[in-house]
Protein backbone atom coordinates (compact mmCIF):
# COMPACT_ATOMS: atom_id res chain seq x y z
CA MET A 1 -42.82 -130.44 -74.21
CA LYS A 2 -43.07 -127.05 -72.53
CA GLU A 3 -46.53 -126.41 -74.01
CA VAL A 4 -47.84 -129.77 -72.79
CA LEU A 5 -46.41 -129.31 -69.29
CA SER A 6 -47.77 -125.76 -69.12
CA LYS A 7 -51.26 -127.02 -69.97
CA ILE A 8 -51.04 -129.77 -67.36
CA ILE A 9 -49.87 -127.30 -64.71
CA GLU A 10 -52.64 -124.85 -65.63
CA THR A 11 -55.32 -127.49 -65.02
CA SER A 12 -54.03 -128.18 -61.51
CA TYR A 13 -55.34 -124.85 -60.16
CA PHE A 14 -58.78 -123.35 -59.61
CA THR A 15 -60.16 -119.92 -58.79
CA CYS A 16 -63.19 -119.21 -56.64
CA PRO A 17 -64.88 -115.93 -55.71
CA VAL A 18 -65.57 -115.46 -51.98
CA PHE A 19 -67.22 -112.80 -49.83
CA ASP A 20 -69.77 -112.01 -52.55
CA GLY A 21 -67.03 -111.63 -55.16
CA GLN A 22 -64.95 -109.11 -53.19
CA ILE A 23 -62.00 -111.51 -53.18
CA MET A 24 -60.95 -114.19 -55.64
CA LEU A 25 -59.04 -117.12 -54.13
CA LYS A 26 -56.76 -119.39 -56.10
CA GLY A 27 -55.80 -122.86 -54.98
CA ARG A 28 -54.60 -126.17 -56.22
CA ILE A 29 -56.89 -129.08 -56.90
CA LEU A 30 -56.62 -132.17 -54.75
CA SER A 31 -54.75 -135.08 -56.25
CA PRO A 32 -56.96 -138.07 -57.08
CA SER A 33 -55.81 -139.86 -53.92
CA GLU A 34 -56.44 -136.78 -51.73
CA ALA A 35 -59.92 -136.33 -53.23
CA GLU A 36 -60.64 -140.01 -52.78
CA GLN A 37 -59.59 -139.87 -49.12
CA ALA A 38 -61.80 -136.82 -48.48
CA GLY A 39 -64.75 -138.51 -50.21
CA VAL A 40 -64.25 -141.75 -48.27
CA ILE A 41 -64.37 -139.92 -44.93
CA GLN A 42 -67.66 -138.23 -45.86
CA PHE A 43 -69.09 -141.47 -47.25
CA MET A 44 -68.23 -143.35 -44.05
CA VAL A 45 -70.14 -140.82 -41.96
CA ALA A 46 -73.13 -140.95 -44.30
CA ALA A 47 -73.06 -144.75 -44.30
CA GLN A 48 -72.96 -144.74 -40.53
CA LEU A 49 -76.12 -142.63 -40.56
CA MET A 50 -78.09 -144.85 -42.90
CA GLU A 51 -77.35 -148.41 -41.95
CA THR A 52 -80.90 -149.62 -42.48
CA SER A 53 -83.93 -148.77 -44.60
CA GLN A 54 -85.52 -147.58 -41.34
CA ASP A 55 -82.79 -144.93 -41.14
CA TYR A 56 -83.57 -143.87 -44.71
CA LYS A 57 -87.23 -143.46 -43.77
CA GLN A 58 -86.17 -141.39 -40.78
CA ILE A 59 -84.20 -139.07 -43.09
CA GLU A 60 -87.30 -138.67 -45.26
CA LYS A 61 -89.31 -137.70 -42.16
CA ILE A 62 -86.71 -135.07 -41.32
CA LYS A 63 -87.03 -133.62 -44.83
CA GLU A 64 -90.82 -133.49 -44.55
CA ALA A 65 -90.61 -131.80 -41.15
CA GLN A 66 -88.29 -129.18 -42.60
CA GLU A 67 -90.87 -128.20 -45.18
CA ALA A 68 -93.72 -127.91 -42.72
CA GLY A 69 -92.36 -126.63 -39.41
CA LYS A 70 -90.87 -123.75 -37.50
CA GLU A 71 -87.12 -123.51 -37.39
CA GLU A 72 -86.93 -124.42 -33.67
CA ASP A 73 -89.13 -127.49 -34.20
CA ILE A 74 -87.12 -128.54 -37.23
CA ILE A 75 -83.83 -128.39 -35.34
CA THR A 76 -85.24 -130.23 -32.32
CA ASN A 77 -86.77 -132.98 -34.50
CA MET A 78 -83.61 -133.28 -36.55
CA LEU A 79 -81.40 -133.68 -33.48
CA GLN A 80 -83.75 -136.26 -31.95
CA SER A 81 -83.92 -138.22 -35.20
CA LEU A 82 -80.17 -138.19 -35.69
CA LYS A 83 -79.64 -139.31 -32.10
CA THR A 84 -82.11 -142.17 -32.63
CA MET A 85 -80.14 -143.23 -35.69
CA GLY A 86 -76.91 -143.32 -33.68
CA PHE A 87 -75.34 -140.18 -35.14
CA LYS A 88 -72.66 -138.68 -32.95
CA PRO A 89 -71.95 -134.93 -33.17
CA GLU A 90 -68.24 -135.75 -33.08
CA MET A 91 -68.58 -137.25 -36.59
CA LEU A 92 -69.79 -133.96 -38.03
CA GLU A 93 -67.04 -132.13 -36.16
CA LYS A 94 -64.45 -134.46 -37.70
CA ILE A 95 -65.77 -133.84 -41.20
CA ASN A 96 -65.78 -130.07 -40.68
CA HIS A 97 -62.24 -130.14 -39.27
CA HIS A 98 -61.05 -132.24 -42.22
CA ASN A 99 -62.73 -129.86 -44.69
CA ASP A 100 -61.12 -126.86 -42.97
CA LYS A 101 -57.77 -128.58 -43.26
CA ILE A 102 -58.28 -129.12 -47.00
CA ILE A 103 -59.12 -125.45 -47.60
CA CYS A 104 -56.13 -124.27 -45.54
CA GLN A 105 -53.90 -126.67 -47.45
CA VAL A 106 -54.93 -125.82 -51.01
CA VAL A 107 -55.68 -122.06 -51.08
CA LYS A 108 -52.49 -120.07 -51.65
CA LEU A 109 -53.29 -116.86 -53.56
CA ALA A 110 -55.86 -114.04 -53.37
CA SER A 111 -56.90 -111.22 -55.68
CA VAL A 112 -59.07 -108.16 -55.11
CA ASP A 113 -59.06 -107.15 -58.81
CA ASN A 114 -60.72 -110.22 -60.37
CA GLY A 115 -57.45 -112.03 -60.92
CA ASP A 116 -55.42 -109.31 -62.62
CA THR A 117 -52.89 -109.46 -59.76
CA TRP A 118 -52.38 -112.11 -57.10
CA GLU A 119 -50.90 -112.01 -53.60
CA PRO A 120 -49.98 -114.91 -51.34
CA ILE A 121 -52.59 -115.67 -48.68
CA HIS A 122 -52.66 -118.14 -45.83
CA ILE A 123 -55.96 -119.53 -44.61
CA VAL A 124 -55.36 -120.36 -40.95
CA HIS A 125 -57.12 -122.60 -38.41
CA ALA A 126 -57.29 -120.21 -35.44
CA ALA A 127 -58.68 -116.68 -35.13
CA GLU A 128 -55.57 -115.70 -33.18
CA GLN A 129 -53.41 -116.51 -36.24
CA GLN A 130 -55.16 -114.12 -38.63
CA SER A 131 -53.39 -110.92 -39.63
CA ALA A 132 -54.22 -108.39 -42.35
CA ASP A 133 -50.56 -107.28 -42.43
CA ASN A 134 -49.40 -110.83 -43.17
CA ASN A 135 -52.31 -111.84 -45.48
CA ARG A 136 -53.53 -114.45 -42.99
CA LEU A 137 -57.28 -115.12 -42.95
CA TRP A 138 -59.05 -117.32 -40.40
CA ILE A 139 -61.07 -120.15 -41.96
CA GLY A 140 -63.97 -119.27 -39.64
CA THR A 141 -64.57 -115.99 -41.49
CA LEU A 142 -65.47 -117.74 -44.74
CA PRO A 143 -69.25 -118.11 -45.22
CA LYS A 144 -70.54 -121.68 -45.52
CA GLU A 145 -71.43 -121.29 -49.20
CA ASP A 146 -67.89 -120.06 -49.98
CA ARG A 147 -66.35 -122.96 -48.05
CA ASP A 148 -68.59 -125.41 -49.91
CA ALA A 149 -67.60 -123.87 -53.27
CA LEU A 150 -63.88 -124.06 -52.42
CA LEU A 151 -64.18 -127.70 -51.36
CA THR A 152 -66.12 -128.61 -54.49
CA LYS A 153 -63.54 -126.94 -56.74
CA ALA A 154 -60.66 -128.63 -54.89
CA MET A 155 -62.27 -132.08 -54.85
CA GLU A 156 -63.72 -132.10 -58.35
CA GLY A 157 -60.94 -130.12 -59.96
CA TYR A 158 -58.86 -133.11 -60.91
CA LYS A 159 -61.79 -134.53 -62.91
CA GLU A 160 -62.24 -131.22 -64.75
CA GLY A 161 -58.49 -130.97 -65.29
CA ARG A 162 -58.34 -134.45 -66.75
CA GLN A 163 -61.18 -133.59 -69.15
CA LYS A 164 -59.48 -130.35 -70.26
CA LEU A 165 -56.28 -132.26 -70.93
CA LYS A 166 -58.12 -134.84 -73.04
CA GLU A 167 -59.59 -132.01 -75.13
CA PHE A 168 -56.18 -130.36 -75.43
CA PHE A 169 -54.51 -133.55 -76.68
CA ARG A 170 -57.30 -134.18 -79.18
CA ARG A 171 -56.62 -130.76 -80.75
CA SER A 172 -52.85 -131.23 -80.77
């Protein structure tokens, strides 16, 4: 029993390098219902953006403009197109806030020696809450690509964990 439970527990965590590999963070995966809720929120915003085939064509125009224009023109065109489609900036803010909340909730340990030793860490919502003495890091310091990687690991981790468990039980 202990071996089976240990394997199940092991699959409920992930590690992810951040800050160009200077720090390794360890967190728990989202439960299936948590991952589903996070995915539903993002899907609802995307669905709100593309209610018609006209909206889909508008997205294609944005992509084409990105490939051919200056950065300022791209941003201006993108904002105008999104406004035309009824996108509200508050929706993106809600998604980002929800994603920040997920990262703060799941990341609990950090390592500076590639996982040989781990220390508790708290990812916090406000810059005023961060403290090197108390291992508190503000979510705003994490680069976008690191945040995306953490979210992906947390949201898809339960699928990977389930697959590892299936393989484990086949060998047992």
